[in-house]
Amino acid sequence: MNKRNKIIYWIATLWLSLGMVATGIVQLFKMNQEGSVAPPGADGIGLLGYPLYLLTILGIWKLLGVVALLLPRFPLLKEWAYAGFFFLTTGAIFSHIAIGNPVKDIFPSLLLLVLTCLSWYFRPADRKVEVSTLGV
């Protein structure tokens, strides 16, 4: 892996991790944008048609996914974290599109999706799953 690819990987991974930790904490504590505890339906989750308890589940998954990405080794666990982030961000994007939200509401999820793809694509060889470990 050349130096340019390493730099791209670490910048994308750190930004992705920061974004997932920040949104995960907000979701765990069910805060609104002003930082105070929000009522049910916080930050549009109710408008999207999802129950409030989903915020807790998503917050926990995001934090665990970041831990999996940043820990050395465990390449299969990293693949699952990347897949989870991909499904999470694409689900958020399409949920916003489905209810007709403006692009400004879709942009954060789109940015996290791009960072997920960049981090996955540029990950070092020691963070990739070897085909032989999958039994293929």
N, C-alpha and C. Protein backbone atom coordinates (compact mmCIF):
# COMPACT_ATOMS: atom_id res chain seq x y z
N MET A 1 0.86 -1.18 0.00
CA MET A 1 0.00 0.00 0.00
C MET A 1 0.90 1.23 0.00
N ASN A 2 0.66 2.11 -0.96
CA ASN A 2 1.50 3.30 -1.03
C ASN A 2 1.03 4.35 -0.01
N LYS A 3 1.85 5.37 0.14
CA LYS A 3 1.60 6.39 1.16
C LYS A 3 0.30 7.15 0.91
N ARG A 4 0.02 7.48 -0.37
CA ARG A 4 -1.20 8.21 -0.72
C ARG A 4 -2.44 7.43 -0.30
N ASN A 5 -2.46 6.13 -0.58
CA ASN A 5 -3.62 5.29 -0.21
C ASN A 5 -3.78 5.19 1.30
N LYS A 6 -2.67 5.12 2.01
CA LYS A 6 -2.73 5.08 3.49
C LYS A 6 -3.34 6.36 4.04
N ILE A 7 -2.92 7.48 3.48
CA ILE A 7 -3.44 8.77 3.94
C ILE A 7 -4.94 8.86 3.66
N ILE A 8 -5.35 8.47 2.46
CA ILE A 8 -6.78 8.48 2.11
C ILE A 8 -7.55 7.57 3.05
N TYR A 9 -7.01 6.37 3.30
CA TYR A 9 -7.68 5.43 4.20
C TYR A 9 -7.88 6.03 5.59
N TRP A 10 -6.80 6.57 6.17
CA TRP A 10 -6.89 7.05 7.54
C TRP A 10 -7.75 8.31 7.67
N ILE A 11 -7.70 9.19 6.68
CA ILE A 11 -8.56 10.38 6.73
C ILE A 11 -10.03 9.96 6.64
N ALA A 12 -10.35 9.10 5.68
CA ALA A 12 -11.73 8.63 5.52
C ALA A 12 -12.19 7.87 6.76
N THR A 13 -11.34 7.00 7.29
CA THR A 13 -11.72 6.19 8.44
C THR A 13 -11.91 7.03 9.69
N LEU A 14 -11.04 7.99 9.90
CA LEU A 14 -11.18 8.84 11.09
C LEU A 14 -12.40 9.75 10.99
N TRP A 15 -12.66 10.32 9.82
CA TRP A 15 -13.86 11.14 9.64
C TRP A 15 -15.12 10.30 9.80
N LEU A 16 -15.09 9.10 9.21
CA LEU A 16 -16.22 8.19 9.36
C LEU A 16 -16.44 7.85 10.83
N SER A 17 -15.37 7.52 11.52
CA SER A 17 -15.47 7.18 12.94
C SER A 17 -16.00 8.34 13.76
N LEU A 18 -15.49 9.53 13.49
CA LEU A 18 -15.96 10.71 14.21
C LEU A 18 -17.45 10.93 13.96
N GLY A 19 -17.87 10.81 12.71
CA GLY A 19 -19.29 10.99 12.37
C GLY A 19 -20.18 9.95 13.03
N MET A 20 -19.72 8.71 13.04
CA MET A 20 -20.53 7.64 13.63
C MET A 20 -20.57 7.75 15.15
N VAL A 21 -19.46 8.12 15.77
CA VAL A 21 -19.45 8.29 17.23
C VAL A 21 -20.35 9.46 17.63
N ALA A 22 -20.22 10.57 16.92
CA ALA A 22 -21.03 11.75 17.25
C ALA A 22 -22.52 11.45 17.11
N THR A 23 -22.92 10.87 15.99
CA THR A 23 -24.34 10.58 15.79
C THR A 23 -24.81 9.44 16.69
N GLY A 24 -23.92 8.50 16.96
CA GLY A 24 -24.28 7.39 17.86
C GLY A 24 -24.56 7.87 19.27
N ILE A 25 -23.73 8.78 19.77
CA ILE A 25 -23.94 9.33 21.12
C ILE A 25 -25.24 10.13 21.16
N VAL A 26 -25.46 10.95 20.15
CA VAL A 26 -26.70 11.73 20.09
C VAL A 26 -27.91 10.80 20.09
N GLN A 27 -27.82 9.71 19.32
CA GLN A 27 -28.94 8.78 19.26
C GLN A 27 -29.12 8.02 20.57
N LEU A 28 -28.02 7.65 21.21
CA LEU A 28 -28.13 6.95 22.49
C LEU A 28 -28.82 7.79 23.55
N PHE A 29 -28.47 9.06 23.58
CA PHE A 29 -29.06 9.94 24.58
C PHE A 29 -30.31 10.64 24.10
N LYS A 30 -30.72 10.33 22.85
CA LYS A 30 -31.94 10.87 22.26
C LYS A 30 -31.99 12.39 22.40
N MET A 31 -30.89 13.05 22.00
CA MET A 31 -30.80 14.50 22.09
C MET A 31 -31.31 15.15 20.82
N ASN A 32 -31.73 16.37 20.94
CA ASN A 32 -32.09 17.13 19.75
C ASN A 32 -30.87 17.95 19.32
N GLN A 33 -31.01 18.75 18.28
CA GLN A 33 -29.88 19.49 17.73
C GLN A 33 -29.33 20.54 18.69
N GLU A 34 -30.12 20.96 19.64
CA GLU A 34 -29.65 21.96 20.60
C GLU A 34 -28.90 21.30 21.76
N GLY A 35 -28.86 19.99 21.82
CA GLY A 35 -28.13 19.29 22.86
C GLY A 35 -28.95 18.94 24.08
N SER A 36 -30.23 19.26 24.09
CA SER A 36 -31.06 18.88 25.23
C SER A 36 -31.82 17.60 24.88
N VAL A 37 -32.25 16.91 25.91
CA VAL A 37 -32.97 15.65 25.69
C VAL A 37 -34.27 15.96 24.96
N ALA A 38 -34.48 15.23 23.90
CA ALA A 38 -35.61 15.53 23.02
C ALA A 38 -36.82 14.66 23.35
N PRO A 39 -37.98 15.12 23.00
CA PRO A 39 -39.19 14.34 23.20
C PRO A 39 -39.27 13.20 22.18
N PRO A 40 -40.23 12.28 22.35
CA PRO A 40 -40.39 11.22 21.36
C PRO A 40 -40.51 11.80 19.95
N GLY A 41 -39.91 11.10 19.00
CA GLY A 41 -39.90 11.58 17.62
C GLY A 41 -38.74 12.52 17.38
N ALA A 42 -37.71 12.47 18.26
CA ALA A 42 -36.58 13.39 18.20
C ALA A 42 -35.92 13.38 16.84
N ASP A 43 -35.54 14.62 16.40
CA ASP A 43 -34.78 14.81 15.18
C ASP A 43 -35.37 14.09 13.98
N GLY A 44 -36.65 14.04 13.91
CA GLY A 44 -37.29 13.52 12.70
C GLY A 44 -37.46 12.02 12.65
N ILE A 45 -37.01 11.29 13.65
CA ILE A 45 -37.15 9.82 13.60
C ILE A 45 -38.62 9.44 13.52
N GLY A 46 -39.46 10.21 14.21
CA GLY A 46 -40.90 9.97 14.12
C GLY A 46 -41.46 10.32 12.76
N LEU A 47 -40.93 11.40 12.16
CA LEU A 47 -41.36 11.77 10.81
C LEU A 47 -41.01 10.72 9.78
N LEU A 48 -39.91 10.01 10.04
CA LEU A 48 -39.50 8.95 9.12
C LEU A 48 -40.32 7.68 9.33
N GLY A 49 -41.10 7.65 10.39
CA GLY A 49 -41.96 6.50 10.64
C GLY A 49 -41.34 5.41 11.49
N TYR A 50 -40.24 5.73 12.18
CA TYR A 50 -39.57 4.73 13.00
C TYR A 50 -39.84 4.98 14.48
N PRO A 51 -39.85 3.93 15.29
CA PRO A 51 -40.06 4.11 16.73
C PRO A 51 -38.81 4.71 17.39
N LEU A 52 -39.01 5.41 18.48
CA LEU A 52 -37.92 6.09 19.19
C LEU A 52 -36.86 5.11 19.70
N TYR A 53 -37.25 3.89 20.08
CA TYR A 53 -36.27 2.94 20.61
C TYR A 53 -35.22 2.55 19.56
N LEU A 54 -35.52 2.77 18.29
CA LEU A 54 -34.55 2.47 17.24
C LEU A 54 -33.29 3.32 17.40
N LEU A 55 -33.43 4.51 17.96
CA LEU A 55 -32.27 5.37 18.19
C LEU A 55 -31.24 4.69 19.10
N THR A 56 -31.71 4.02 20.13
CA THR A 56 -30.80 3.32 21.05
C THR A 56 -30.06 2.21 20.33
N ILE A 57 -30.78 1.43 19.54
CA ILE A 57 -30.17 0.32 18.80
C ILE A 57 -29.13 0.85 17.82
N LEU A 58 -29.49 1.88 17.06
CA LEU A 58 -28.57 2.44 16.08
C LEU A 58 -27.34 3.05 16.76
N GLY A 59 -27.55 3.73 17.88
CA GLY A 59 -26.43 4.33 18.60
C GLY A 59 -25.43 3.29 19.07
N ILE A 60 -25.93 2.19 19.62
CA ILE A 60 -25.05 1.11 20.09
C ILE A 60 -24.30 0.49 18.91
N TRP A 61 -25.02 0.19 17.83
CA TRP A 61 -24.37 -0.41 16.65
C TRP A 61 -23.29 0.48 16.07
N LYS A 62 -23.56 1.78 16.02
CA LYS A 62 -22.56 2.71 15.49
C LYS A 62 -21.29 2.70 16.33
N LEU A 63 -21.44 2.78 17.64
CA LEU A 63 -20.27 2.79 18.52
C LEU A 63 -19.49 1.48 18.43
N LEU A 64 -20.19 0.36 18.39
CA LEU A 64 -19.51 -0.93 18.25
C LEU A 64 -18.82 -1.06 16.88
N GLY A 65 -19.45 -0.52 15.85
CA GLY A 65 -18.86 -0.54 14.52
C GLY A 65 -17.57 0.26 14.46
N VAL A 66 -17.54 1.40 15.11
CA VAL A 66 -16.33 2.21 15.15
C VAL A 66 -15.22 1.47 15.88
N VAL A 67 -15.55 0.84 16.98
CA VAL A 67 -14.55 0.04 17.72
C VAL A 67 -13.98 -1.04 16.81
N ALA A 68 -14.86 -1.73 16.08
CA ALA A 68 -14.41 -2.79 15.17
C ALA A 68 -13.49 -2.26 14.08
N LEU A 69 -13.80 -1.09 13.54
CA LEU A 69 -12.96 -0.52 12.48
C LEU A 69 -11.59 -0.10 12.99
N LEU A 70 -11.53 0.44 14.19
CA LEU A 70 -10.28 1.00 14.68
C LEU A 70 -9.37 -0.02 15.37
N LEU A 71 -9.93 -1.11 15.85
CA LEU A 71 -9.10 -2.14 16.48
C LEU A 71 -8.22 -2.83 15.43
N PRO A 72 -6.99 -3.14 15.79
CA PRO A 72 -6.17 -3.91 14.85
C PRO A 72 -6.71 -5.35 14.76
N ARG A 73 -6.42 -5.98 13.64
CA ARG A 73 -6.83 -7.37 13.36
C ARG A 73 -8.35 -7.47 13.19
N PHE A 74 -8.91 -8.64 13.36
CA PHE A 74 -10.33 -8.94 13.22
C PHE A 74 -10.92 -8.46 11.88
N PRO A 75 -10.32 -8.88 10.76
CA PRO A 75 -10.79 -8.40 9.45
C PRO A 75 -12.24 -8.77 9.14
N LEU A 76 -12.69 -9.93 9.57
CA LEU A 76 -14.09 -10.30 9.29
C LEU A 76 -15.06 -9.39 10.05
N LEU A 77 -14.72 -9.05 11.27
CA LEU A 77 -15.53 -8.13 12.05
C LEU A 77 -15.58 -6.75 11.39
N LYS A 78 -14.45 -6.32 10.82
CA LYS A 78 -14.41 -5.06 10.09
C LYS A 78 -15.35 -5.09 8.88
N GLU A 79 -15.37 -6.21 8.15
CA GLU A 79 -16.26 -6.33 7.00
C GLU A 79 -17.72 -6.18 7.43
N TRP A 80 -18.06 -6.77 8.56
CA TRP A 80 -19.43 -6.65 9.08
C TRP A 80 -19.73 -5.20 9.46
N ALA A 81 -18.75 -4.52 10.04
CA ALA A 81 -18.94 -3.11 10.43
C ALA A 81 -19.15 -2.25 9.17
N TYR A 82 -18.34 -2.48 8.16
CA TYR A 82 -18.52 -1.74 6.91
C TYR A 82 -19.89 -2.01 6.30
N ALA A 83 -20.28 -3.27 6.30
CA ALA A 83 -21.61 -3.62 5.75
C ALA A 83 -22.70 -2.93 6.55
N GLY A 84 -22.58 -2.95 7.87
CA GLY A 84 -23.57 -2.29 8.71
C GLY A 84 -23.65 -0.80 8.45
N PHE A 85 -22.50 -0.16 8.31
CA PHE A 85 -22.49 1.28 8.01
C PHE A 85 -23.09 1.55 6.64
N PHE A 86 -22.82 0.67 5.67
CA PHE A 86 -23.38 0.84 4.33
C PHE A 86 -24.91 0.73 4.38
N PHE A 87 -25.41 -0.29 5.06
CA PHE A 87 -26.87 -0.46 5.15
C PHE A 87 -27.51 0.68 5.93
N LEU A 88 -26.86 1.10 7.00
CA LEU A 88 -27.36 2.19 7.83
C LEU A 88 -27.48 3.49 7.03
N THR A 89 -26.42 3.84 6.31
CA THR A 89 -26.44 5.11 5.58
C THR A 89 -27.36 5.08 4.37
N THR A 90 -27.36 3.97 3.64
CA THR A 90 -28.28 3.90 2.49
C THR A 90 -29.73 3.87 2.97
N GLY A 91 -29.99 3.22 4.09
CA GLY A 91 -31.34 3.22 4.65
C GLY A 91 -31.78 4.61 5.06
N ALA A 92 -30.85 5.37 5.65
CA ALA A 92 -31.17 6.75 6.04
C ALA A 92 -31.43 7.61 4.81
N ILE A 93 -30.60 7.45 3.78
CA ILE A 93 -30.77 8.24 2.56
C ILE A 93 -32.14 7.96 1.93
N PHE A 94 -32.47 6.70 1.78
CA PHE A 94 -33.74 6.37 1.14
C PHE A 94 -34.95 6.70 2.02
N SER A 95 -34.78 6.66 3.33
CA SER A 95 -35.87 7.08 4.21
C SER A 95 -36.15 8.56 4.03
N HIS A 96 -35.10 9.36 3.96
CA HIS A 96 -35.28 10.80 3.75
C HIS A 96 -35.90 11.08 2.38
N ILE A 97 -35.45 10.37 1.37
CA ILE A 97 -36.00 10.57 0.02
C ILE A 97 -37.48 10.19 0.00
N ALA A 98 -37.83 9.08 0.68
CA ALA A 98 -39.21 8.58 0.67
C ALA A 98 -40.20 9.57 1.24
N ILE A 99 -39.78 10.38 2.22
CA ILE A 99 -40.73 11.35 2.79
C ILE A 99 -40.54 12.74 2.20
N GLY A 100 -39.65 12.85 1.19
CA GLY A 100 -39.50 14.11 0.48
C GLY A 100 -38.66 15.16 1.18
N ASN A 101 -37.74 14.74 2.02
CA ASN A 101 -36.87 15.71 2.70
C ASN A 101 -35.94 16.40 1.68
N PRO A 102 -35.54 17.64 1.97
CA PRO A 102 -34.62 18.33 1.07
C PRO A 102 -33.22 17.72 1.13
N VAL A 103 -32.40 18.06 0.15
CA VAL A 103 -31.04 17.51 0.04
C VAL A 103 -30.21 17.81 1.28
N LYS A 104 -30.45 18.96 1.91
CA LYS A 104 -29.66 19.30 3.11
C LYS A 104 -29.86 18.27 4.23
N ASP A 105 -31.01 17.61 4.26
CA ASP A 105 -31.25 16.57 5.26
C ASP A 105 -30.62 15.24 4.86
N ILE A 106 -30.39 15.05 3.58
CA ILE A 106 -29.82 13.80 3.07
C ILE A 106 -28.30 13.86 3.09
N PHE A 107 -27.73 15.05 2.99
CA PHE A 107 -26.28 15.22 2.85
C PHE A 107 -25.46 14.53 3.94
N PRO A 108 -25.79 14.63 5.24
CA PRO A 108 -24.95 13.96 6.25
C PRO A 108 -24.87 12.45 6.03
N SER A 109 -25.98 11.83 5.70
CA SER A 109 -25.96 10.38 5.45
C SER A 109 -25.17 10.06 4.19
N LEU A 110 -25.31 10.90 3.18
CA LEU A 110 -24.56 10.71 1.93
C LEU A 110 -23.06 10.85 2.17
N LEU A 111 -22.66 11.82 2.97
CA LEU A 111 -21.25 12.00 3.31
C LEU A 111 -20.71 10.77 4.05
N LEU A 112 -21.46 10.26 5.03
CA LEU A 112 -21.02 9.07 5.76
C LEU A 112 -20.96 7.85 4.83
N LEU A 113 -21.85 7.76 3.86
CA LEU A 113 -21.80 6.67 2.89
C LEU A 113 -20.53 6.75 2.05
N VAL A 114 -20.20 7.94 1.57
CA VAL A 114 -18.98 8.13 0.78
C VAL A 114 -17.74 7.79 1.61
N LEU A 115 -17.71 8.23 2.86
CA LEU A 115 -16.58 7.92 3.74
C LEU A 115 -16.48 6.42 4.01
N THR A 116 -17.63 5.75 4.17
CA THR A 116 -17.63 4.30 4.36
C THR A 116 -17.01 3.60 3.15
N CYS A 117 -17.43 4.00 1.96
CA CYS A 117 -16.92 3.39 0.73
C CYS A 117 -15.43 3.67 0.54
N LEU A 118 -15.00 4.90 0.81
CA LEU A 118 -13.58 5.24 0.69
C LEU A 118 -12.73 4.44 1.69
N SER A 119 -13.17 4.39 2.93
CA SER A 119 -12.44 3.66 3.96
C SER A 119 -12.34 2.18 3.60
N TRP A 120 -13.43 1.61 3.14
CA TRP A 120 -13.44 0.18 2.76
C TRP A 120 -12.52 -0.06 1.57
N TYR A 121 -12.60 0.78 0.56
CA TYR A 121 -11.82 0.58 -0.66
C TYR A 121 -10.32 0.72 -0.41
N PHE A 122 -9.93 1.68 0.40
CA PHE A 122 -8.50 1.95 0.61
C PHE A 122 -7.94 1.25 1.85
N ARG A 123 -8.67 0.34 2.47
CA ARG A 123 -8.17 -0.31 3.68
C ARG A 123 -6.92 -1.14 3.36
N PRO A 124 -5.99 -1.20 4.31
CA PRO A 124 -4.75 -1.96 4.10
C PRO A 124 -5.02 -3.46 4.02
N ALA A 125 -4.08 -4.18 3.47
CA ALA A 125 -4.23 -5.62 3.27
C ALA A 125 -4.47 -6.36 4.59
N ASP A 126 -3.85 -5.91 5.68
CA ASP A 126 -4.03 -6.60 6.95
C ASP A 126 -5.41 -6.36 7.56
N ARG A 127 -6.21 -5.49 6.95
CA ARG A 127 -7.56 -5.23 7.42
C ARG A 127 -8.60 -5.83 6.47
N LYS A 128 -8.15 -6.64 5.52
CA LYS A 128 -9.04 -7.29 4.57
C LYS A 128 -9.20 -8.76 4.93
N VAL A 129 -10.35 -9.31 4.58
CA VAL A 129 -10.59 -10.73 4.80
C VAL A 129 -9.92 -11.51 3.68
N GLU A 130 -9.13 -12.51 4.06
CA GLU A 130 -8.53 -13.37 3.06
C GLU A 130 -9.58 -14.37 2.60
N VAL A 131 -9.57 -14.67 1.32
CA VAL A 131 -10.53 -15.61 0.77
C VAL A 131 -10.41 -16.98 1.44
N SER A 132 -9.19 -17.39 1.79
CA SER A 132 -9.00 -18.70 2.41
C SER A 132 -9.65 -18.80 3.78
N THR A 133 -9.83 -17.66 4.48
CA THR A 133 -10.45 -17.69 5.80
C THR A 133 -11.97 -17.86 5.69
N LEU A 134 -12.51 -17.65 4.50
CA LEU A 134 -13.95 -17.82 4.30
C LEU A 134 -14.31 -19.24 3.88
N GLY A 135 -13.29 -20.10 3.69
CA GLY A 135 -13.56 -21.47 3.29
C GLY A 135 -13.85 -21.62 1.81
N VAL A 136 -13.41 -20.63 1.03
CA VAL A 136 -13.65 -20.67 -0.42
C VAL A 136 -12.41 -21.14 -1.12
